[in-house]
Amino acid sequence: MELRQLEYFVAVAEEANFTRAAARVHISQSGVSAQIRALERELGAELIDRSGGTATLTTAGQAALAQARATLAAAGSVRQSVDDVTGLLRGSLRVGMVTACTVPQLFDALAGFHSRHPGIELSLQEGNSDSLVDKVRTGVLDLALVGVAARAPDGLTSMVVIDERIVAAVPPEHPLVSQKRVTLEQVNEYPIVSLPVGTGVRTVFDRDCGGVGITPSIALEASAPDAVADLAARGVGVAILSASMLGAYRNRLTAVELTDSTTSALLALVWAPNPSAASARLVSMAQRAFGLA
């Protein structure tokens, strides 16, 4: 059994496609297929079901995937340990970020890291927070900036960079503006424009509404906070956002306090315990960039 065979197997499992996996590991599709066949022969079990339009894991493949990732991570740790001793930092660092979340401090940290460690290949992937947390847990990502409700995800190390409450954002002429402070029940008398399920702000809103026995009246969903704000500014509905998300829309939207929304919306950098040296260095740079060091 060779490490490259495990690498190709993990690539196919994550991409669910031999062609994309081959592009990811920079060899031909036939080469990937041949190496996985050799791995299956050695293990005595089929790992990939090739009968459908996508490459899916068999039961044996599902059982092997976690161990394959762990083996590759262990091999990477051996290399990292040697690199740390020799002063050489190389390899890759996979960073996740919640969709359309513009955070200059994270970009500053990434730019500084790239400048100091050009041997590390940086990649940045966007997604909703639930998906990014899962990818950090499974080792697909090394660390991610995510939005969560009330507390950081279990089983991961975290650094909270923003802790605030959600607000209702409406145009200045909206009836809610005159009330200054409103309840969730009052807000839900209007169409709601919200981020999708799986984002931190939406989790907070759904949780707090459920806590007072309300089913939110979601009219429209948009994956980017700017899109949610823009729709509300055009009178489509009441935007549910955190105050810091209003950004360039502060002259077109007024934030109205939600008196019975008590759950904090957090923006946090999360990573697995026992991070690689590269991950630890980026976290350290992020701490300084956010003024937390």
Protein backbone atom coordinates (compact mmCIF):
# COMPACT_ATOMS: atom_id res chain seq x y z
CA MET A 1 0.00 0.00 0.00
CA GLU A 2 1.42 3.37 -1.01
CA LEU A 3 0.61 6.86 0.24
CA ARG A 4 -0.16 8.03 -3.28
CA GLN A 5 -2.82 5.32 -3.60
CA LEU A 6 -4.49 6.63 -0.44
CA GLU A 7 -4.19 10.19 -1.75
CA TYR A 8 -5.91 9.22 -5.02
CA PHE A 9 -8.61 7.30 -3.15
CA VAL A 10 -9.37 10.30 -0.90
CA ALA A 11 -9.45 12.61 -3.93
CA VAL A 12 -11.99 10.41 -5.73
CA ALA A 13 -14.09 10.08 -2.56
CA GLU A 14 -14.20 13.86 -2.06
CA GLU A 15 -14.71 14.78 -5.72
CA ALA A 16 -17.11 11.88 -6.48
CA ASN A 17 -15.60 11.87 -9.95
CA PHE A 18 -12.45 10.29 -11.41
CA THR A 19 -11.84 13.11 -13.89
CA ARG A 20 -11.95 15.85 -11.25
CA ALA A 21 -9.86 13.76 -8.88
CA ALA A 22 -7.22 13.26 -11.58
CA ALA A 23 -7.06 17.01 -12.20
CA ARG A 24 -6.71 17.60 -8.47
CA VAL A 25 -3.74 15.26 -8.06
CA HIS A 26 -2.23 16.23 -11.43
CA ILE A 27 -2.09 12.82 -13.12
CA SER A 28 -4.18 11.13 -15.80
CA GLN A 29 -7.58 9.64 -15.07
CA SER A 30 -6.33 6.22 -16.12
CA GLY A 31 -3.46 6.56 -13.66
CA VAL A 32 -5.82 7.33 -10.79
CA SER A 33 -8.09 4.44 -11.76
CA ALA A 34 -5.17 1.99 -12.03
CA GLN A 35 -3.76 2.93 -8.62
CA ILE A 36 -7.13 2.61 -6.90
CA ARG A 37 -7.66 -0.78 -8.58
CA ALA A 38 -4.29 -1.84 -7.21
CA LEU A 39 -5.28 -0.62 -3.74
CA GLU A 40 -8.58 -2.53 -3.94
CA ARG A 41 -6.76 -5.72 -4.95
CA GLU A 42 -4.39 -5.36 -2.01
CA LEU A 43 -7.25 -4.77 0.43
CA GLY A 44 -9.44 -7.44 -1.13
CA ALA A 45 -12.50 -5.19 -1.39
CA GLU A 46 -14.04 -2.73 -3.82
CA LEU A 47 -13.80 0.80 -2.43
CA ILE A 48 -15.43 2.82 -5.22
CA ASP A 49 -18.76 2.01 -6.90
CA ARG A 50 -18.26 2.92 -10.56
CA SER A 51 -21.66 1.77 -11.81
CA GLY A 52 -23.45 5.12 -11.66
CA GLY A 53 -22.83 8.56 -13.07
CA THR A 54 -20.76 9.49 -10.02
CA ALA A 55 -18.04 7.65 -8.16
CA THR A 56 -19.56 6.68 -4.81
CA LEU A 57 -18.05 4.91 -1.84
CA THR A 58 -18.97 1.33 -1.11
CA THR A 59 -19.45 0.26 2.49
CA ALA A 60 -15.80 -0.81 2.55
CA GLY A 61 -14.80 2.52 1.04
CA GLN A 62 -16.69 4.44 3.71
CA ALA A 63 -14.91 2.44 6.39
CA ALA A 64 -11.53 3.09 4.76
CA LEU A 65 -11.94 6.82 4.14
CA ALA A 66 -11.38 8.10 7.68
CA GLN A 67 -8.32 5.91 8.14
CA ALA A 68 -6.93 6.96 4.77
CA ARG A 69 -7.27 10.63 5.75
CA ALA A 70 -5.67 9.93 9.13
CA THR A 71 -2.76 8.10 7.49
CA LEU A 72 -2.14 10.95 5.07
CA ALA A 73 -2.34 13.46 7.91
CA ALA A 74 0.15 11.41 9.95
CA ALA A 75 2.53 11.24 7.00
CA GLY A 76 2.18 14.99 6.58
CA SER A 77 2.98 15.46 10.27
CA VAL A 78 6.21 13.50 9.88
CA ARG A 79 7.24 15.76 7.02
CA GLN A 80 6.15 18.83 8.97
CA SER A 81 8.21 17.81 12.00
CA VAL A 82 11.32 17.49 9.85
CA ASP A 83 10.55 20.77 8.11
CA ASP A 84 10.16 22.54 11.45
CA VAL A 85 13.57 21.32 12.55
CA THR A 86 15.24 22.40 9.30
CA GLY A 87 13.39 25.71 9.20
CA LEU A 88 11.56 24.81 5.98
CA LEU A 89 7.80 25.29 5.73
CA ARG A 90 6.11 23.73 2.73
CA GLY A 91 2.98 21.91 1.64
CA SER A 92 -0.56 23.26 1.52
CA LEU A 93 -2.98 25.10 3.76
CA ARG A 94 -6.72 24.86 3.04
CA VAL A 95 -8.77 27.70 4.47
CA GLY A 96 -12.55 28.05 4.49
CA MET A 97 -14.60 31.23 4.75
CA VAL A 98 -18.33 31.77 5.06
CA THR A 99 -19.78 32.85 1.70
CA ALA A 100 -19.45 36.55 0.81
CA CYS A 101 -18.01 37.44 4.22
CA THR A 102 -15.50 40.23 3.61
CA VAL A 103 -13.18 40.31 6.62
CA PRO A 104 -10.07 42.43 5.99
CA GLN A 105 -8.28 41.07 9.06
CA LEU A 106 -8.41 37.51 7.70
CA PHE A 107 -7.16 38.70 4.33
CA ASP A 108 -4.33 40.57 6.07
CA ALA A 109 -3.34 37.37 7.87
CA LEU A 110 -3.46 35.34 4.66
CA ALA A 111 -1.38 37.91 2.79
CA GLY A 112 1.18 38.05 5.58
CA PHE A 113 1.38 34.28 5.74
CA HIS A 114 1.87 34.01 1.98
CA SER A 115 4.62 36.63 2.08
CA ARG A 116 6.52 34.88 4.87
CA HIS A 117 5.94 31.30 3.71
CA PRO A 118 5.79 31.24 -0.12
CA GLY A 119 6.46 27.49 -0.08
CA ILE A 120 2.98 26.85 1.30
CA GLU A 121 0.23 26.55 -1.29
CA LEU A 122 -2.78 28.48 0.04
CA SER A 123 -6.33 27.70 -1.06
CA LEU A 124 -9.52 29.51 -0.02
CA GLN A 125 -12.97 27.93 -0.20
CA GLU A 126 -16.33 29.57 0.49
CA GLY A 127 -19.42 27.83 1.82
CA ASN A 128 -22.11 27.97 4.47
CA SER A 129 -20.93 27.64 8.04
CA ASP A 130 -22.32 24.16 8.75
CA SER A 131 -20.57 22.76 5.67
CA LEU A 132 -17.27 24.46 6.54
CA VAL A 133 -17.35 23.14 10.11
CA ASP A 134 -17.91 19.60 8.80
CA LYS A 135 -14.97 19.98 6.43
CA VAL A 136 -12.67 21.10 9.25
CA ARG A 137 -13.81 18.15 11.34
CA THR A 138 -13.11 15.67 8.53
CA GLY A 139 -9.78 17.21 7.56
CA VAL A 140 -10.88 18.54 4.17
CA LEU A 141 -10.06 22.05 5.47
CA ASP A 142 -7.33 23.02 7.94
CA LEU A 143 -9.23 25.96 9.39
CA ALA A 144 -12.24 28.12 8.57
CA LEU A 145 -13.91 31.41 9.46
CA VAL A 146 -17.54 30.56 10.23
CA GLY A 147 -20.69 32.07 11.67
CA VAL A 148 -22.20 30.16 14.60
CA ALA A 149 -24.90 30.63 17.23
CA ALA A 150 -24.13 31.17 20.92
CA ARG A 151 -20.93 29.12 21.12
CA ALA A 152 -18.20 27.69 18.95
CA PRO A 153 -18.63 24.16 17.52
CA ASP A 154 -17.84 21.23 19.79
CA GLY A 155 -14.66 19.27 19.15
CA LEU A 156 -12.79 22.13 17.47
CA THR A 157 -10.45 24.79 18.75
CA SER A 158 -11.79 28.26 18.10
CA MET A 159 -11.11 31.98 18.28
CA VAL A 160 -14.18 34.25 18.39
CA VAL A 161 -13.58 37.46 16.44
CA ILE A 162 -17.09 38.98 16.49
CA ASP A 163 -19.81 38.52 19.14
CA GLU A 164 -23.04 40.43 18.53
CA ARG A 165 -26.83 40.14 18.35
CA ILE A 166 -28.95 40.01 15.23
CA VAL A 167 -31.08 42.99 14.20
CA ALA A 168 -33.98 43.74 11.88
CA ALA A 169 -32.77 46.03 9.07
CA VAL A 170 -35.38 48.12 7.24
CA PRO A 171 -35.52 51.27 5.08
CA PRO A 172 -35.90 54.55 7.04
CA GLU A 173 -39.56 54.89 6.02
CA HIS A 174 -40.53 51.43 7.30
CA PRO A 175 -43.13 51.34 10.15
CA LEU A 176 -40.75 49.41 12.43
CA VAL A 177 -38.28 52.32 12.52
CA SER A 178 -40.56 54.46 14.67
CA GLN A 179 -40.70 51.72 17.32
CA LYS A 180 -36.91 51.59 17.87
CA ARG A 181 -37.17 48.20 19.63
CA VAL A 182 -39.45 45.38 18.47
CA THR A 183 -40.21 41.75 19.27
CA LEU A 184 -39.70 38.76 17.01
CA GLU A 185 -43.46 38.44 16.75
CA GLN A 186 -43.74 41.99 15.45
CA VAL A 187 -40.98 41.44 12.90
CA ASN A 188 -42.60 38.27 11.63
CA GLU A 189 -45.70 40.22 10.68
CA TYR A 190 -43.65 41.28 7.65
CA PRO A 191 -41.91 39.21 4.94
CA ILE A 192 -38.42 38.23 6.07
CA VAL A 193 -35.30 38.32 3.89
CA SER A 194 -32.67 36.04 5.37
CA LEU A 195 -29.45 34.16 4.89
CA PRO A 196 -29.96 30.43 4.20
CA VAL A 197 -30.15 27.57 6.67
CA GLY A 198 -26.65 26.55 7.70
CA THR A 199 -25.43 30.08 8.36
CA GLY A 200 -24.81 31.45 11.83
CA VAL A 201 -27.26 34.38 11.61
CA ARG A 202 -30.06 32.15 10.32
CA THR A 203 -29.40 29.62 13.08
CA VAL A 204 -29.70 32.38 15.67
CA PHE A 205 -32.93 33.71 14.14
CA ASP A 206 -34.57 30.30 13.82
CA ARG A 207 -33.52 29.33 17.35
CA ASP A 208 -34.78 32.54 18.95
CA CYS A 209 -38.07 32.42 17.01
CA GLY A 210 -38.57 28.82 18.08
CA GLY A 211 -37.89 29.83 21.66
CA VAL A 212 -40.93 32.12 21.64
CA GLY A 213 -43.11 29.72 19.66
CA ILE A 214 -42.86 31.42 16.27
CA THR A 215 -42.24 29.88 12.86
CA PRO A 216 -40.31 32.51 10.84
CA SER A 217 -42.04 33.86 7.74
CA ILE A 218 -39.08 33.65 5.36
CA ALA A 219 -39.98 35.27 2.03
CA LEU A 220 -36.57 35.26 0.34
CA GLU A 221 -33.14 33.79 1.02
CA ALA A 222 -29.81 35.01 -0.31
CA SER A 223 -26.37 33.57 0.42
CA ALA A 224 -24.58 36.94 0.65
CA PRO A 225 -25.31 39.48 3.41
CA ASP A 226 -25.03 42.30 0.87
CA ALA A 227 -27.78 40.70 -1.21
CA VAL A 228 -30.03 40.37 1.85
CA ALA A 229 -29.40 44.04 2.71
CA ASP A 230 -29.98 45.21 -0.86
CA LEU A 231 -33.31 43.39 -1.09
CA ALA A 232 -34.47 44.93 2.18
CA ALA A 233 -33.32 48.38 1.05
CA ARG A 234 -35.55 47.96 -2.00
CA GLY A 235 -38.56 47.25 0.20
CA VAL A 236 -38.85 43.52 -0.46
CA GLY A 237 -38.89 42.60 3.23
CA VAL A 238 -37.21 42.92 6.62
CA ALA A 239 -33.56 41.83 6.58
CA ILE A 240 -32.27 39.72 9.45
CA LEU A 241 -28.54 40.36 9.81
CA SER A 242 -25.95 41.13 12.45
CA ALA A 243 -25.22 44.83 12.85
CA SER A 244 -21.71 44.52 11.39
CA MET A 245 -23.12 43.07 8.16
CA LEU A 246 -24.95 46.26 7.22
CA GLY A 247 -21.72 47.84 6.00
CA ALA A 248 -22.31 50.03 2.96
CA TYR A 249 -26.08 49.93 3.50
CA ARG A 250 -26.13 51.96 6.71
CA ASN A 251 -27.38 55.03 4.81
CA ARG A 252 -30.23 53.00 3.26
CA LEU A 253 -31.18 50.75 6.17
CA THR A 254 -31.92 51.31 9.83
CA ALA A 255 -31.08 48.62 12.39
CA VAL A 256 -33.96 47.92 14.78
CA GLU A 257 -33.21 46.06 18.03
CA LEU A 258 -34.97 42.73 18.59
CA THR A 259 -35.84 42.73 22.28
CA ASP A 260 -36.42 39.00 22.67
CA SER A 261 -33.54 37.77 20.50
CA THR A 262 -31.02 36.70 23.13
CA THR A 263 -28.66 34.37 21.26
CA SER A 264 -25.28 35.75 20.22
CA ALA A 265 -24.24 35.54 16.59
CA LEU A 266 -20.55 34.68 16.58
CA LEU A 267 -17.95 34.88 13.85
CA ALA A 268 -15.15 32.50 14.76
CA LEU A 269 -12.00 31.01 13.32
CA VAL A 270 -12.09 27.24 13.95
CA TRP A 271 -9.50 24.51 13.50
CA ALA A 272 -8.90 20.94 14.58
CA PRO A 273 -6.98 20.16 17.77
CA ASN A 274 -3.27 19.50 17.26
CA PRO A 275 -2.96 21.71 14.15
CA SER A 276 -0.05 21.51 11.74
CA ALA A 277 2.77 24.03 12.12
CA ALA A 278 1.40 25.92 9.11
CA SER A 279 -2.10 26.12 10.61
CA ALA A 280 -0.71 27.24 13.96
CA ARG A 281 1.31 30.00 12.32
CA LEU A 282 -1.69 31.28 10.37
CA VAL A 283 -3.80 31.25 13.55
CA SER A 284 -1.09 33.26 15.31
CA MET A 285 -1.07 35.80 12.47
CA ALA A 286 -4.88 35.97 12.56
CA GLN A 287 -4.79 36.66 16.32
CA ARG A 288 -2.53 39.63 15.71
CA ALA A 289 -4.58 40.84 12.73
CA PHE A 290 -7.78 40.78 14.81
CA GLY A 291 -6.02 42.43 17.77
CA LEU A 292 -6.45 39.36 19.98
CA ALA A 293 -2.77 38.54 20.57
